[in-house]
Amino acid sequence: MSKPSRRRLLQLAALAPFGAVRAHAAYLPNPSTGKARFTSTLNAYSFLEQLNANIADPKMGIDLFGVCDFCVKHDIEAVDLTGYFFPGYPNAPSDDYIARIKRYTHDRGITISGTGVKNDFATADKAVRAEGVALTKLWIEVAARLGAPVVRVFAGPQQKNPKDWQGAAGGASRAEVEKWMAEALRECAEHGEKFGVIIAVQNHGDFLSTGPEHVSLLKRVDHAWCGALVDTGKYFTDDPYADIAMMVPHAVNWQIKETLGSSLKTPPADFKKLAKLIHDGGYRGFVPIETLAMGRKDYDPAAEVVKVLAAMRAAIAELK
């Protein structure tokens, strides 16, 4: 597969407005489809430093195939393969690479539960938002070919300080930013519907840092193919568990973090409480774990993931 140019990305961004117009189901929380059933899995981003090292030098770190081997070793059923770690990102991976990773996961009994991109829908720059839409559409098609049901997107700017969405928005009001963000997400969701891929909007401590903000955006998007990726470490409120509980019916994917914030100074996650909230909300599906270095020079992603995995598995087992 040839790599798409910037021009191709912008062409993709323009597809939805001129495509076939058809009705879609308006946004509602996910319907109850039986008693809660969920399994702890893995988000590849946990191996960020090692994956980046491998991109810089294939002799170093770990690649996505190595992440899959880790899943086999620890009996992890599914993995969210973040788009940044595919060769050539932000371009689509080659047909050969997609075929190899699909066969590799299938042979090992692993489900590819999702992927994700870097985008900025909070910026006042319409061209940057259009590029984010085009990138998301491109990776919707990649996800469909991988057999991944979800593409994760961000709501705010990808800067050193993601909380500064106001700066990226050029002083626009929150209502105005939510409006243009919803327009971009709806366009992505319409494309996702064509390929059977759900858009999952993550709370990343940026434009979305509370449950009500998360719900408000989803309602404005108003599309059945756009839901929430619930990041348990990125609701910056007095009681993050209340926000998490609010979002369970809206969740289409997760990132289970080891703390309730972005640093070791924030409280550690109560995995028993998290598991009960997810259970009581009736969620069915995977709940990927994503651990972070958070400045730790001795951070060992394999050890940290195993620790969180054991805690979540024990918490889930108690519910049964």
Foldseek 3Di string as FASTA:
>chain_A
DDWDDLVQLLVLLPPQVPDDDDDAAWDDFADFDDFAAEAEAAEPCLQVVLLVVCLVPVVTGDAPLRVLVLCLVVVGAEYADEPVSAPPPVTAHDPVVLVVVLVSCVVSNHYHAYYEDEAALLALDVSRLSSRLSSLLRVLVSCLSSVHQEYEYEHHHPDPDLQVSCVRHVNDDLVVSLLSSLVSQLSSLVSNVVSNHAYAYEQDLHSHQFLVSQVVSSNSNTGHRYFHAYEQQRNPDPDSLVSLLSRLSRHPEYEDEQFNYLAPVGHGDDLLSNLVSNRVSRHYYYYHYHYDCRPPPPDDSSVVRVVVSVNNVVSNVVVD
